[in-house]
Structure formats: C-alpha cells, structure tokens
Amino acid sequence: MTHDKKITIVTGNPGKIVSFRRCLEPLGFDIHHENLELIEPQLDRIEDVALSKARQAHDILKKPLVVEDTGFYIDALGGFPGPYNKYVVDKIGVDGYLRLIDGETNRACRFFSALVYIDDAGVEHVFTSETKGRLAKEPDGLPLRSDAKSDLWKIYIPDGSDKTLNELGGEERKRFFKASEDKSVAAIFAKWLDEQKTPAAPAPANKARVTPKG
C-alpha cells in the first residue's frame, strides 16, 4: 500500500478542514478538499454513517479520500441524538437540546468521531475518538467561531474547562486545542498515515478495523 502526500478531505465543514490541516500539514501532507452532495444515511452507528458517505464519495471521485463524521451523545437522554445529531440540531437547534434536559442534574455528554480513509487500493480504514464534556445551562452569547465544527460549540463545555468551546480564547484556547487535537481522530489518522512509511509500523490501538471494499 502506498500513500500520496496529497490527501483529499470530503467535507463542506470549514472547521474540519482547519483541523486536518493542523494535524497533517506538519507531516508534509498537502490537504485538498471536496464538497460533495452525499446522502446522509440514518444509521445507528456513526462509523456506519462515515463508511456509507466515504463509499459514495469514492464512487464519485475514484481516488483515495477521507470522510469524518461525528455523533453527539447526551447521557441523560440515553445517548440521544448520537449519529442523528445533524438532523436533530437542524430541526431544534442548540436551544432545543437544552430544553430536552431542562431540570436534569446529569449534563454529561460527548462527541464521538469516526474517520474513514479509503486508500489507493480501495481498502477502508476506520478510526475513532471521543471527547467528553457537559452541557452548559444556556448558549454562550458569542458569535459562532469561524473554525467551529458545529453550533454545539456554543453549549458544549469540555472536561477541564468552565467555558464552552466557542468561548475559549487566547492562551487557554491554544492549550486546550493542542491537548484535544493531539487525541482527535484527525491526529490519530495522521500519526498512522505517517507511520506507514515504515513497513513494520503497528496499527493504533483504537483503530476500529480495516476491511476490503465490497
């Protein structure tokens, strides 16, 4: 298996592009992106959503590519909305999420991300990561940051902080994003991809699976 230094990210989300560039460009990879109209499957696992969209994109582009999808899981709601987050947030917004858990003392939640890389041989590689936090009592009053991956940044407080992702700024923001990005699914993928230059390099412990397409 060989890896071109040019990586195509299939997304229309500017925040995801920023994240991939931060993780991959220092390793010498050239990041390109494609914004394709893909069917958003309603599936129970975020890994399966990412796989479906990666396969759709690969059928169109006929070249190696990356697709990342993220679910949002709220403990007090039994993990809802999970992989249905994009649909739900479009319908009820972040204020709707807060109404759903009004009065709840358990405000724990997490982002769970799945990344699918289809390589030049058509083999699918799936990577996962999660970031834990809690829901704020109300949305912060700031405009959504240009590098935000979701409106949820306005109500999501990451572990170790008392501010939403959207509120973090200055040195605090730099420290948090350096720590979180090192554990992100983009960073896990970047490390694995860089290691493929060494034939004996082991697969990461949290790499979900490698399966042939078909």
N, C-alpha and C. Protein backbone atom coordinates (compact mmCIF):
# COMPACT_ATOMS: atom_id res chain seq x y z
N MET A 1 0.85 -1.19 0.00
CA MET A 1 0.00 0.00 0.00
C MET A 1 0.88 1.24 0.00
N THR A 2 0.59 2.17 -0.88
CA THR A 2 1.33 3.42 -0.94
C THR A 2 0.42 4.58 -0.57
N HIS A 3 1.01 5.70 -0.19
CA HIS A 3 0.23 6.86 0.22
C HIS A 3 0.77 8.10 -0.46
N ASP A 4 -0.09 8.74 -1.24
CA ASP A 4 0.26 10.02 -1.83
C ASP A 4 0.35 11.06 -0.72
N LYS A 5 1.22 12.06 -0.91
CA LYS A 5 1.32 13.13 0.08
C LYS A 5 0.16 14.10 -0.04
N LYS A 6 -0.67 13.96 -1.05
CA LYS A 6 -1.87 14.78 -1.18
C LYS A 6 -3.06 14.01 -0.62
N ILE A 7 -3.75 14.61 0.33
CA ILE A 7 -4.89 13.97 0.97
C ILE A 7 -6.15 14.77 0.63
N THR A 8 -7.17 14.07 0.13
CA THR A 8 -8.44 14.71 -0.20
C THR A 8 -9.43 14.48 0.93
N ILE A 9 -9.88 15.57 1.56
CA ILE A 9 -10.88 15.53 2.62
C ILE A 9 -12.23 15.89 2.00
N VAL A 10 -13.20 15.01 2.16
CA VAL A 10 -14.54 15.28 1.61
C VAL A 10 -15.39 15.88 2.73
N THR A 11 -15.61 17.18 2.66
CA THR A 11 -16.40 17.87 3.67
C THR A 11 -16.76 19.27 3.17
N GLY A 12 -17.85 19.79 3.69
CA GLY A 12 -18.19 21.19 3.45
C GLY A 12 -18.03 21.99 4.73
N ASN A 13 -17.42 21.37 5.75
CA ASN A 13 -17.29 21.98 7.07
C ASN A 13 -15.92 22.64 7.21
N PRO A 14 -15.84 23.97 7.27
CA PRO A 14 -14.54 24.64 7.37
C PRO A 14 -13.75 24.24 8.60
N GLY A 15 -14.43 23.97 9.72
CA GLY A 15 -13.74 23.57 10.94
C GLY A 15 -12.98 22.26 10.78
N LYS A 16 -13.57 21.32 10.05
CA LYS A 16 -12.89 20.05 9.83
C LYS A 16 -11.64 20.24 8.96
N ILE A 17 -11.74 21.11 7.98
CA ILE A 17 -10.59 21.37 7.11
C ILE A 17 -9.45 21.96 7.92
N VAL A 18 -9.76 22.91 8.81
CA VAL A 18 -8.74 23.51 9.67
C VAL A 18 -8.07 22.44 10.52
N SER A 19 -8.87 21.56 11.12
CA SER A 19 -8.33 20.51 11.98
C SER A 19 -7.41 19.57 11.23
N PHE A 20 -7.82 19.14 10.03
CA PHE A 20 -6.98 18.24 9.25
C PHE A 20 -5.68 18.92 8.83
N ARG A 21 -5.75 20.18 8.49
CA ARG A 21 -4.54 20.90 8.10
C ARG A 21 -3.56 20.99 9.27
N ARG A 22 -4.07 21.27 10.45
CA ARG A 22 -3.22 21.36 11.63
C ARG A 22 -2.51 20.04 11.91
N CYS A 23 -3.21 18.94 11.70
CA CYS A 23 -2.65 17.64 12.02
C CYS A 23 -1.76 17.06 10.92
N LEU A 24 -2.09 17.32 9.66
CA LEU A 24 -1.40 16.66 8.56
C LEU A 24 -0.33 17.50 7.87
N GLU A 25 -0.54 18.79 7.78
CA GLU A 25 0.46 19.62 7.06
C GLU A 25 1.84 19.61 7.71
N PRO A 26 1.95 19.58 9.06
CA PRO A 26 3.29 19.49 9.65
C PRO A 26 4.04 18.21 9.29
N LEU A 27 3.30 17.19 8.86
CA LEU A 27 3.91 15.92 8.45
C LEU A 27 4.21 15.89 6.96
N GLY A 28 3.97 17.01 6.29
CA GLY A 28 4.31 17.11 4.88
C GLY A 28 3.19 16.74 3.93
N PHE A 29 1.97 16.56 4.45
CA PHE A 29 0.84 16.22 3.58
C PHE A 29 0.17 17.48 3.06
N ASP A 30 -0.23 17.41 1.80
CA ASP A 30 -0.89 18.52 1.12
C ASP A 30 -2.40 18.27 1.17
N ILE A 31 -3.14 19.15 1.86
CA ILE A 31 -4.56 18.94 2.09
C ILE A 31 -5.41 19.62 1.02
N HIS A 32 -6.26 18.83 0.39
CA HIS A 32 -7.25 19.34 -0.56
C HIS A 32 -8.62 18.93 -0.04
N HIS A 33 -9.66 19.64 -0.45
CA HIS A 33 -10.98 19.23 0.00
C HIS A 33 -11.98 19.30 -1.15
N GLU A 34 -12.98 18.44 -1.03
CA GLU A 34 -14.09 18.39 -1.98
C GLU A 34 -15.39 18.48 -1.19
N ASN A 35 -16.30 19.30 -1.65
CA ASN A 35 -17.62 19.42 -1.03
C ASN A 35 -18.63 18.75 -1.95
N LEU A 36 -19.02 17.53 -1.61
CA LEU A 36 -19.91 16.75 -2.46
C LEU A 36 -21.31 16.66 -1.84
N GLU A 37 -22.31 16.53 -2.69
CA GLU A 37 -23.67 16.29 -2.22
C GLU A 37 -23.83 14.79 -1.99
N LEU A 38 -23.75 14.38 -0.73
CA LEU A 38 -23.84 12.96 -0.38
C LEU A 38 -25.13 12.71 0.41
N ILE A 39 -25.65 11.50 0.26
CA ILE A 39 -26.82 11.10 1.04
C ILE A 39 -26.39 10.90 2.49
N GLU A 40 -27.12 11.51 3.40
CA GLU A 40 -26.86 11.37 4.84
C GLU A 40 -27.68 10.19 5.35
N PRO A 41 -27.07 9.00 5.50
CA PRO A 41 -27.84 7.83 5.92
C PRO A 41 -28.24 7.93 7.39
N GLN A 42 -29.42 7.43 7.72
CA GLN A 42 -29.88 7.40 9.11
C GLN A 42 -29.57 6.02 9.67
N LEU A 43 -28.40 5.90 10.28
CA LEU A 43 -27.91 4.63 10.80
C LEU A 43 -27.59 4.78 12.28
N ASP A 44 -27.55 3.64 12.99
CA ASP A 44 -27.40 3.68 14.45
C ASP A 44 -25.97 3.83 14.94
N ARG A 45 -25.00 3.67 14.05
CA ARG A 45 -23.59 3.81 14.45
C ARG A 45 -22.92 4.85 13.57
N ILE A 46 -22.18 5.76 14.20
CA ILE A 46 -21.54 6.83 13.45
C ILE A 46 -20.49 6.27 12.49
N GLU A 47 -19.87 5.13 12.84
CA GLU A 47 -18.91 4.50 11.94
C GLU A 47 -19.57 4.10 10.63
N ASP A 48 -20.80 3.59 10.72
CA ASP A 48 -21.51 3.15 9.52
C ASP A 48 -21.95 4.34 8.66
N VAL A 49 -22.27 5.47 9.33
CA VAL A 49 -22.60 6.69 8.59
C VAL A 49 -21.38 7.14 7.78
N ALA A 50 -20.22 7.19 8.44
CA ALA A 50 -18.99 7.62 7.76
C ALA A 50 -18.61 6.67 6.63
N LEU A 51 -18.77 5.38 6.86
CA LEU A 51 -18.46 4.40 5.81
C LEU A 51 -19.35 4.60 4.59
N SER A 52 -20.64 4.78 4.83
CA SER A 52 -21.58 4.98 3.72
C SER A 52 -21.20 6.20 2.90
N LYS A 53 -20.89 7.31 3.57
CA LYS A 53 -20.57 8.53 2.85
C LYS A 53 -19.21 8.43 2.15
N ALA A 54 -18.26 7.74 2.78
CA ALA A 54 -16.95 7.56 2.14
C ALA A 54 -17.09 6.73 0.86
N ARG A 55 -17.92 5.70 0.91
CA ARG A 55 -18.14 4.87 -0.27
C ARG A 55 -18.82 5.67 -1.39
N GLN A 56 -19.79 6.49 -1.01
CA GLN A 56 -20.44 7.34 -2.02
C GLN A 56 -19.42 8.28 -2.67
N ALA A 57 -18.59 8.90 -1.83
CA ALA A 57 -17.59 9.84 -2.34
C ALA A 57 -16.57 9.14 -3.22
N HIS A 58 -16.17 7.94 -2.82
CA HIS A 58 -15.18 7.19 -3.61
C HIS A 58 -15.75 6.78 -4.96
N ASP A 59 -17.02 6.46 -5.00
CA ASP A 59 -17.67 6.12 -6.27
C ASP A 59 -17.66 7.31 -7.22
N ILE A 60 -17.73 8.52 -6.66
CA ILE A 60 -17.74 9.74 -7.48
C ILE A 60 -16.33 10.15 -7.90
N LEU A 61 -15.41 10.18 -6.92
CA LEU A 61 -14.07 10.75 -7.18
C LEU A 61 -13.07 9.73 -7.72
N LYS A 62 -13.29 8.46 -7.41
CA LYS A 62 -12.40 7.39 -7.90
C LYS A 62 -10.94 7.62 -7.47
N LYS A 63 -10.75 8.07 -6.22
CA LYS A 63 -9.39 8.28 -5.72
C LYS A 63 -9.39 8.19 -4.20
N PRO A 64 -8.22 8.06 -3.59
CA PRO A 64 -8.15 8.00 -2.12
C PRO A 64 -8.76 9.24 -1.49
N LEU A 65 -9.42 9.04 -0.36
CA LEU A 65 -10.09 10.18 0.29
C LEU A 65 -10.39 9.87 1.76
N VAL A 66 -10.78 10.94 2.46
CA VAL A 66 -11.11 10.85 3.87
C VAL A 66 -12.50 11.47 4.10
N VAL A 67 -13.30 10.79 4.91
CA VAL A 67 -14.58 11.33 5.38
C VAL A 67 -14.61 11.20 6.90
N GLU A 68 -15.00 12.25 7.58
CA GLU A 68 -15.15 12.20 9.04
C GLU A 68 -16.58 12.57 9.40
N ASP A 69 -17.17 11.81 10.31
CA ASP A 69 -18.49 12.14 10.84
C ASP A 69 -18.45 12.07 12.36
N THR A 70 -19.25 12.91 13.00
CA THR A 70 -19.26 12.98 14.45
C THR A 70 -20.68 12.90 14.98
N GLY A 71 -20.87 12.05 15.99
CA GLY A 71 -22.15 11.97 16.69
C GLY A 71 -22.05 12.69 18.02
N PHE A 72 -23.19 13.05 18.57
CA PHE A 72 -23.23 13.76 19.85
C PHE A 72 -24.14 12.98 20.79
N TYR A 73 -23.60 12.58 21.95
CA TYR A 73 -24.29 11.66 22.84
C TYR A 73 -24.51 12.32 24.20
N ILE A 74 -25.78 12.38 24.63
CA ILE A 74 -26.15 13.01 25.90
C ILE A 74 -26.58 11.91 26.87
N ASP A 75 -25.86 11.79 27.99
CA ASP A 75 -26.12 10.70 28.94
C ASP A 75 -27.55 10.69 29.44
N ALA A 76 -28.07 11.86 29.81
CA ALA A 76 -29.41 11.94 30.40
C ALA A 76 -30.50 11.52 29.42
N LEU A 77 -30.18 11.50 28.13
CA LEU A 77 -31.14 11.11 27.10
C LEU A 77 -30.82 9.73 26.52
N GLY A 78 -30.06 8.94 27.29
CA GLY A 78 -29.73 7.59 26.84
C GLY A 78 -28.84 7.56 25.62
N GLY A 79 -28.04 8.62 25.43
CA GLY A 79 -27.14 8.68 24.28
C GLY A 79 -27.72 9.42 23.09
N PHE A 80 -29.00 9.78 23.15
CA PHE A 80 -29.61 10.56 22.06
C PHE A 80 -28.92 11.93 22.00
N PRO A 81 -28.71 12.50 20.80
CA PRO A 81 -29.16 12.03 19.47
C PRO A 81 -28.16 11.10 18.77
N GLY A 82 -26.95 10.96 19.31
CA GLY A 82 -25.97 10.07 18.70
C GLY A 82 -25.68 10.41 17.26
N PRO A 83 -25.77 9.41 16.36
CA PRO A 83 -25.47 9.65 14.95
C PRO A 83 -26.52 10.50 14.23
N TYR A 84 -27.65 10.77 14.91
CA TYR A 84 -28.71 11.58 14.29
C TYR A 84 -28.56 13.06 14.63
N ASN A 85 -27.40 13.42 15.17
CA ASN A 85 -27.19 14.78 15.64
C ASN A 85 -27.42 15.84 14.58
N LYS A 86 -26.90 15.64 13.38
CA LYS A 86 -27.01 16.66 12.34
C LYS A 86 -28.48 16.95 12.02
N TYR A 87 -29.26 15.90 11.90
CA TYR A 87 -30.69 16.07 11.61
C TYR A 87 -31.40 16.79 12.76
N VAL A 88 -31.11 16.35 13.99
CA VAL A 88 -31.81 16.91 15.16
C VAL A 88 -31.43 18.36 15.38
N VAL A 89 -30.14 18.69 15.30
CA VAL A 89 -29.73 20.08 15.55
C VAL A 89 -30.29 21.01 14.47
N ASP A 90 -30.42 20.50 13.24
CA ASP A 90 -31.04 21.31 12.19
C ASP A 90 -32.50 21.60 12.49
N LYS A 91 -33.16 20.66 13.18
CA LYS A 91 -34.60 20.80 13.47
C LYS A 91 -34.88 21.63 14.71
N ILE A 92 -34.12 21.40 15.79
CA ILE A 92 -34.47 22.05 17.06
C ILE A 92 -33.41 23.02 17.57
N GLY A 93 -32.22 23.00 16.95
CA GLY A 93 -31.17 23.92 17.36
C GLY A 93 -30.59 23.59 18.72
N VAL A 94 -29.59 24.34 19.14
CA VAL A 94 -28.94 24.07 20.43
C VAL A 94 -29.88 24.41 21.59
N ASP A 95 -30.75 25.39 21.40
CA ASP A 95 -31.72 25.69 22.46
C ASP A 95 -32.66 24.51 22.69
N GLY A 96 -32.98 23.80 21.62
CA GLY A 96 -33.83 22.63 21.75
C GLY A 96 -33.18 21.53 22.56
N TYR A 97 -31.89 21.34 22.36
CA TYR A 97 -31.16 20.35 23.17
C TYR A 97 -31.26 20.69 24.65
N LEU A 98 -31.08 21.96 24.97
CA LEU A 98 -31.10 22.37 26.38
C LEU A 98 -32.50 22.21 26.96
N ARG A 99 -33.53 22.43 26.15
CA ARG A 99 -34.90 22.20 26.64
C ARG A 99 -35.13 20.72 26.95
N LEU A 100 -34.54 19.85 26.15
CA LEU A 100 -34.72 18.41 26.35
C LEU A 100 -34.19 17.93 27.69
N ILE A 101 -33.16 18.61 28.22
CA ILE A 101 -32.60 18.16 29.51
C ILE A 101 -32.84 19.20 30.61
N ASP A 102 -33.84 20.05 30.41
CA ASP A 102 -34.18 21.04 31.43
C ASP A 102 -34.49 20.34 32.75
N GLY A 103 -33.82 20.76 33.82
CA GLY A 103 -34.03 20.17 35.14
C GLY A 103 -33.15 18.98 35.44
N GLU A 104 -32.44 18.46 34.45
CA GLU A 104 -31.55 17.32 34.68
C GLU A 104 -30.27 17.76 35.39
N THR A 105 -29.84 16.98 36.37
CA THR A 105 -28.58 17.27 37.04
C THR A 105 -27.40 16.66 36.29
N ASN A 106 -27.65 15.55 35.60
CA ASN A 106 -26.59 14.91 34.81
C ASN A 106 -26.55 15.56 33.43
N ARG A 107 -25.52 16.36 33.20
CA ARG A 107 -25.41 17.07 31.92
C ARG A 107 -24.23 16.56 31.10
N ALA A 108 -23.74 15.36 31.47
CA ALA A 108 -22.60 14.78 30.77
C ALA A 108 -22.95 14.46 29.31
N CYS A 109 -22.00 14.68 28.42
CA CYS A 109 -22.19 14.41 27.00
C CYS A 109 -20.83 14.18 26.36
N ARG A 110 -20.84 13.77 25.11
CA ARG A 110 -19.56 13.52 24.43
C ARG A 110 -19.76 13.60 22.93
N PHE A 111 -18.70 14.01 22.27
CA PHE A 111 -18.59 13.90 20.82
C PHE A 111 -17.88 12.58 20.52
N PHE A 112 -18.42 11.79 19.62
CA PHE A 112 -17.76 10.56 19.18
C PHE A 112 -17.56 10.67 17.67
N SER A 113 -16.30 10.61 17.24
CA SER A 113 -15.96 10.82 15.83
C SER A 113 -15.47 9.54 15.18
N ALA A 114 -15.87 9.35 13.93
CA ALA A 114 -15.38 8.24 13.11
C ALA A 114 -14.80 8.81 11.82
N LEU A 115 -13.63 8.36 11.48
CA LEU A 115 -12.96 8.78 10.24
C LEU A 115 -12.76 7.55 9.37
N VAL A 116 -13.13 7.67 8.11
CA VAL A 116 -12.90 6.60 7.15
C VAL A 116 -11.93 7.09 6.08
N TYR A 117 -10.87 6.32 5.90
CA TYR A 117 -9.89 6.60 4.84
C TYR A 117 -9.96 5.44 3.86
N ILE A 118 -10.26 5.74 2.60
CA ILE A 118 -10.20 4.73 1.53
C ILE A 118 -8.92 4.97 0.77
N ASP A 119 -8.02 3.99 0.81
CA ASP A 119 -6.69 4.19 0.25
C ASP A 119 -6.66 3.92 -1.26
N ASP A 120 -5.46 3.97 -1.82
CA ASP A 120 -5.33 3.83 -3.27
C ASP A 120 -5.63 2.42 -3.76
N ALA A 121 -5.72 1.45 -2.84
CA ALA A 121 -6.09 0.09 -3.21
C ALA A 121 -7.58 -0.17 -2.98
N GLY A 122 -8.32 0.86 -2.53
CA GLY A 122 -9.73 0.70 -2.27
C GLY A 122 -10.05 0.08 -0.92
N VAL A 123 -9.03 -0.03 -0.05
CA VAL A 123 -9.23 -0.60 1.29
C VAL A 123 -9.72 0.48 2.24
N GLU A 124 -10.70 0.13 3.05
CA GLU A 124 -11.30 1.08 4.00
C GLU A 124 -10.64 0.95 5.37
N HIS A 125 -10.23 2.07 5.92
CA HIS A 125 -9.59 2.12 7.24
C HIS A 125 -10.47 3.01 8.12
N VAL A 126 -10.87 2.50 9.28
CA VAL A 126 -11.78 3.22 10.16
C VAL A 126 -11.09 3.55 11.48
N PHE A 127 -11.13 4.81 11.87
CA PHE A 127 -10.52 5.29 13.11
C PHE A 127 -11.60 6.00 13.93
N THR A 128 -11.48 5.93 15.26
CA THR A 128 -12.46 6.58 16.12
C THR A 128 -11.80 7.32 17.27
N SER A 129 -12.50 8.31 17.81
CA SER A 129 -12.05 9.01 19.01
C SER A 129 -13.25 9.65 19.67
N GLU A 130 -13.12 10.04 20.95
CA GLU A 130 -14.21 10.73 21.62
C GLU A 130 -13.67 11.82 22.53
N THR A 131 -14.51 12.84 22.73
CA THR A 131 -14.19 13.96 23.60
C THR A 131 -15.34 14.15 24.56
N LYS A 132 -15.05 14.11 25.88
CA LYS A 132 -16.11 14.19 26.89
C LYS A 132 -16.25 15.60 27.43
N GLY A 133 -17.48 15.91 27.87
CA GLY A 133 -17.73 17.22 28.45
C GLY A 133 -19.11 17.25 29.09
N ARG A 134 -19.68 18.45 29.18
CA ARG A 134 -21.02 18.62 29.75
C ARG A 134 -21.72 19.76 29.03
N LEU A 135 -23.03 19.78 29.15
CA LEU A 135 -23.83 20.83 28.51
C LEU A 135 -23.96 22.04 29.42
N ALA A 136 -23.80 23.22 28.83
CA ALA A 136 -24.00 24.46 29.56
C ALA A 136 -25.48 24.63 29.88
N LYS A 137 -25.79 25.55 30.79
CA LYS A 137 -27.19 25.82 31.13
C LYS A 137 -27.88 26.64 30.03
N GLU A 138 -27.10 27.42 29.30
CA GLU A 138 -27.64 28.21 28.20
C GLU A 138 -26.53 28.45 27.18
N PRO A 139 -26.87 28.76 25.92
CA PRO A 139 -25.84 29.03 24.91
C PRO A 139 -25.03 30.26 25.29
N ASP A 140 -23.73 30.23 24.97
CA ASP A 140 -22.93 31.43 25.21
C ASP A 140 -23.43 32.55 24.28
N GLY A 141 -23.12 33.78 24.64
CA GLY A 141 -23.65 34.90 23.87
C GLY A 141 -22.74 35.39 22.77
N LEU A 142 -21.76 34.58 22.38
CA LEU A 142 -20.79 35.00 21.36
C LEU A 142 -21.18 34.49 19.98
N PRO A 143 -20.74 35.18 18.92
CA PRO A 143 -20.92 34.64 17.55
C PRO A 143 -20.17 33.32 17.43
N LEU A 144 -20.68 32.44 16.61
CA LEU A 144 -20.02 31.15 16.40
C LEU A 144 -18.68 31.35 15.72
N ARG A 145 -17.65 30.73 16.26
CA ARG A 145 -16.30 30.89 15.70
C ARG A 145 -16.23 30.33 14.28
N SER A 146 -15.38 30.92 13.48
CA SER A 146 -15.27 30.51 12.07
C SER A 146 -14.73 29.09 11.93
N ASP A 147 -13.96 28.61 12.92
CA ASP A 147 -13.40 27.27 12.83
C ASP A 147 -14.23 26.23 13.59
N ALA A 148 -15.42 26.63 14.06
CA ALA A 148 -16.29 25.70 14.78
C ALA A 148 -16.80 24.61 13.84
N LYS A 149 -16.83 23.39 14.33
CA LYS A 149 -17.34 22.28 13.52
C LYS A 149 -18.85 22.15 13.64
N SER A 150 -19.44 22.79 14.65
CA SER A 150 -20.87 22.63 14.90
C SER A 150 -21.38 23.76 15.77
N ASP A 151 -22.69 24.05 15.65
CA ASP A 151 -23.34 25.00 16.55
C ASP A 151 -23.27 24.54 18.00
N LEU A 152 -23.05 23.24 18.21
CA LEU A 152 -22.98 22.70 19.56
C LEU A 152 -21.81 23.28 20.35
N TRP A 153 -20.83 23.87 19.67
CA TRP A 153 -19.72 24.50 20.38
C TRP A 153 -20.22 25.60 21.31
N LYS A 154 -21.43 26.12 21.08
CA LYS A 154 -21.97 27.20 21.90
C LYS A 154 -22.57 26.70 23.22
N ILE A 155 -22.78 25.37 23.34
CA ILE A 155 -23.35 24.83 24.58
C ILE A 155 -22.50 23.71 25.17
N TYR A 156 -21.41 23.33 24.51
CA TYR A 156 -20.59 22.21 24.95
C TYR A 156 -19.39 22.71 25.75
N ILE A 157 -19.29 22.27 27.01
CA ILE A 157 -18.16 22.62 27.88
C ILE A 157 -17.26 21.40 28.01
N PRO A 158 -16.06 21.44 27.47
CA PRO A 158 -15.18 20.26 27.54
C PRO A 158 -14.69 20.01 28.95
N ASP A 159 -14.39 18.75 29.26
CA ASP A 159 -13.82 18.40 30.55
C ASP A 159 -12.58 19.25 30.81
N GLY A 160 -12.46 19.73 32.05
CA GLY A 160 -11.30 20.53 32.42
C GLY A 160 -11.47 22.01 32.19
N SER A 161 -12.66 22.43 31.73
CA SER A 161 -12.89 23.84 31.47
C SER A 161 -14.22 24.26 32.07
N ASP A 162 -14.41 25.56 32.28
CA ASP A 162 -15.71 26.09 32.70
C ASP A 162 -16.31 26.98 31.62
N LYS A 163 -15.74 26.90 30.40
CA LYS A 163 -16.23 27.69 29.28
C LYS A 163 -16.61 26.77 28.13
N THR A 164 -17.53 27.24 27.28
CA THR A 164 -17.86 26.45 26.10
C THR A 164 -16.67 26.46 25.13
N LEU A 165 -16.69 25.51 24.21
CA LEU A 165 -15.66 25.50 23.18
C LEU A 165 -15.61 26.83 22.43
N ASN A 166 -16.78 27.39 22.22
CA ASN A 166 -16.87 28.64 21.47
C ASN A 166 -16.30 29.83 22.24
N GLU A 167 -16.31 29.76 23.58
CA GLU A 167 -15.83 30.86 24.42
C GLU A 167 -14.33 30.85 24.63
N LEU A 168 -13.70 29.70 24.47
CA LEU A 168 -12.27 29.60 24.74
C LEU A 168 -11.49 30.56 23.86
N GLY A 169 -10.55 31.26 24.45
CA GLY A 169 -9.76 32.21 23.67
C GLY A 169 -8.35 32.35 24.23
N GLY A 170 -7.50 33.01 23.49
CA GLY A 170 -6.14 33.31 23.92
C GLY A 170 -5.32 32.06 24.21
N GLU A 171 -4.49 32.16 25.26
CA GLU A 171 -3.59 31.06 25.62
C GLU A 171 -4.37 29.84 26.08
N GLU A 172 -5.50 30.08 26.77
CA GLU A 172 -6.34 28.97 27.23
C GLU A 172 -6.82 28.15 26.03
N ARG A 173 -7.23 28.84 24.99
CA ARG A 173 -7.69 28.17 23.77
C ARG A 173 -6.55 27.37 23.13
N LYS A 174 -5.38 27.98 23.05
CA LYS A 174 -4.23 27.30 22.44
C LYS A 174 -3.89 26.02 23.20
N ARG A 175 -3.88 26.11 24.55
CA ARG A 175 -3.54 24.94 25.36
C ARG A 175 -4.58 23.84 25.20
N PHE A 176 -5.85 24.24 25.25
CA PHE A 176 -6.90 23.23 25.15
C PHE A 176 -6.88 22.55 23.78
N PHE A 177 -6.81 23.35 22.72
CA PHE A 177 -6.89 22.77 21.39
C PHE A 177 -5.66 21.94 21.04
N LYS A 178 -4.51 22.30 21.60
CA LYS A 178 -3.32 21.47 21.38
C LYS A 178 -3.52 20.12 22.05
N ALA A 179 -4.02 20.12 23.30
CA ALA A 179 -4.25 18.87 24.02
C ALA A 179 -5.32 18.02 23.36
N SER A 180 -6.44 18.65 22.97
CA SER A 180 -7.55 17.89 22.39
C SER A 180 -7.23 17.42 20.98
N GLU A 181 -6.53 18.25 20.22
CA GLU A 181 -6.23 17.88 18.84
C GLU A 181 -5.25 16.71 18.78
N ASP A 182 -4.37 16.62 19.78
CA ASP A 182 -3.43 15.50 19.84
C ASP A 182 -4.16 14.17 19.99
N LYS A 183 -5.38 14.21 20.54
CA LYS A 183 -6.17 13.00 20.76
C LYS A 183 -7.31 12.86 19.76
N SER A 184 -7.41 13.80 18.84
CA SER A 184 -8.53 13.80 17.89
C SER A 184 -8.39 12.68 16.87
N VAL A 185 -9.50 12.37 16.21
CA VAL A 185 -9.47 11.32 15.19
C VAL A 185 -8.57 11.74 14.02
N ALA A 186 -8.50 13.06 13.73
CA ALA A 186 -7.61 13.53 12.67
C ALA A 186 -6.15 13.28 13.04
N ALA A 187 -5.80 13.50 14.32
CA ALA A 187 -4.43 13.28 14.77
C ALA A 187 -4.08 11.80 14.78
N ILE A 188 -5.04 10.97 15.20
CA ILE A 188 -4.81 9.52 15.20
C ILE A 188 -4.55 9.03 13.78
N PHE A 189 -5.36 9.52 12.85
CA PHE A 189 -5.18 9.16 11.44
C PHE A 189 -3.84 9.67 10.91
N ALA A 190 -3.49 10.91 11.23
CA ALA A 190 -2.24 11.49 10.75
C ALA A 190 -1.04 10.68 11.23
N LYS A 191 -1.06 10.31 12.51
CA LYS A 191 0.04 9.51 13.07
C LYS A 191 0.15 8.17 12.36
N TRP A 192 -0.99 7.50 12.17
CA TRP A 192 -0.98 6.21 11.48
C TRP A 192 -0.47 6.35 10.05
N LEU A 193 -0.95 7.38 9.35
CA LEU A 193 -0.56 7.58 7.96
C LEU A 193 0.94 7.83 7.85
N ASP A 194 1.47 8.62 8.77
CA ASP A 194 2.90 8.91 8.76
C ASP A 194 3.71 7.65 9.06
N GLU A 195 3.19 6.78 9.91
CA GLU A 195 3.89 5.55 10.26
C GLU A 195 3.94 4.55 9.12
N GLN A 196 3.06 4.69 8.13
CA GLN A 196 3.04 3.72 7.03
C GLN A 196 4.30 3.80 6.17
N LYS A 197 5.11 4.85 6.37
CA LYS A 197 6.39 4.93 5.67
C LYS A 197 7.36 3.88 6.19
N THR A 198 7.05 3.36 7.41
CA THR A 198 7.86 2.29 8.00
C THR A 198 7.07 1.01 7.91
N PRO A 199 7.50 0.01 7.12
CA PRO A 199 6.70 -1.19 6.89
C PRO A 199 6.26 -1.91 8.15
N ALA A 200 7.09 -1.87 9.22
CA ALA A 200 6.76 -2.63 10.43
C ALA A 200 5.91 -1.84 11.40
N ALA A 201 5.47 -0.66 11.03
CA ALA A 201 4.73 0.19 11.96
C ALA A 201 3.43 -0.48 12.38
N PRO A 202 3.14 -0.52 13.70
CA PRO A 202 1.90 -1.15 14.17
C PRO A 202 0.70 -0.26 13.96
N ALA A 203 -0.47 -0.89 13.86
CA ALA A 203 -1.73 -0.13 13.78
C ALA A 203 -2.05 0.42 15.16
N PRO A 204 -2.71 1.57 15.26
CA PRO A 204 -3.05 2.14 16.56
C PRO A 204 -4.07 1.29 17.29
N ALA A 205 -4.02 1.35 18.63
CA ALA A 205 -4.91 0.51 19.44
C ALA A 205 -6.37 0.83 19.22
N ASN A 206 -6.69 2.10 18.94
CA ASN A 206 -8.09 2.46 18.79
C ASN A 206 -8.51 2.59 17.34
N LYS A 207 -7.78 1.94 16.44
CA LYS A 207 -8.22 1.85 15.05
C LYS A 207 -9.30 0.77 14.99
N ALA A 208 -10.46 1.11 14.52
CA ALA A 208 -11.59 0.22 14.65
C ALA A 208 -11.44 -1.05 13.82
N ARG A 209 -11.12 -0.90 12.54
CA ARG A 209 -10.97 -2.08 11.69
C ARG A 209 -10.46 -1.65 10.32
N VAL A 210 -9.98 -2.63 9.58
CA VAL A 210 -9.60 -2.42 8.19
C VAL A 210 -10.33 -3.48 7.39
N THR A 211 -11.13 -3.07 6.44
CA THR A 211 -11.92 -4.03 5.67
C THR A 211 -11.81 -3.73 4.19
N PRO A 212 -11.78 -4.77 3.37
CA PRO A 212 -11.79 -4.53 1.92
C PRO A 212 -13.15 -4.01 1.48
N LYS A 213 -13.16 -3.13 0.50
CA LYS A 213 -14.43 -2.61 -0.02
C LYS A 213 -15.17 -3.70 -0.76
N GLY A 214 -16.47 -3.74 -0.54
CA GLY A 214 -17.26 -4.70 -1.27
C GLY A 214 -18.32 -5.35 -0.41
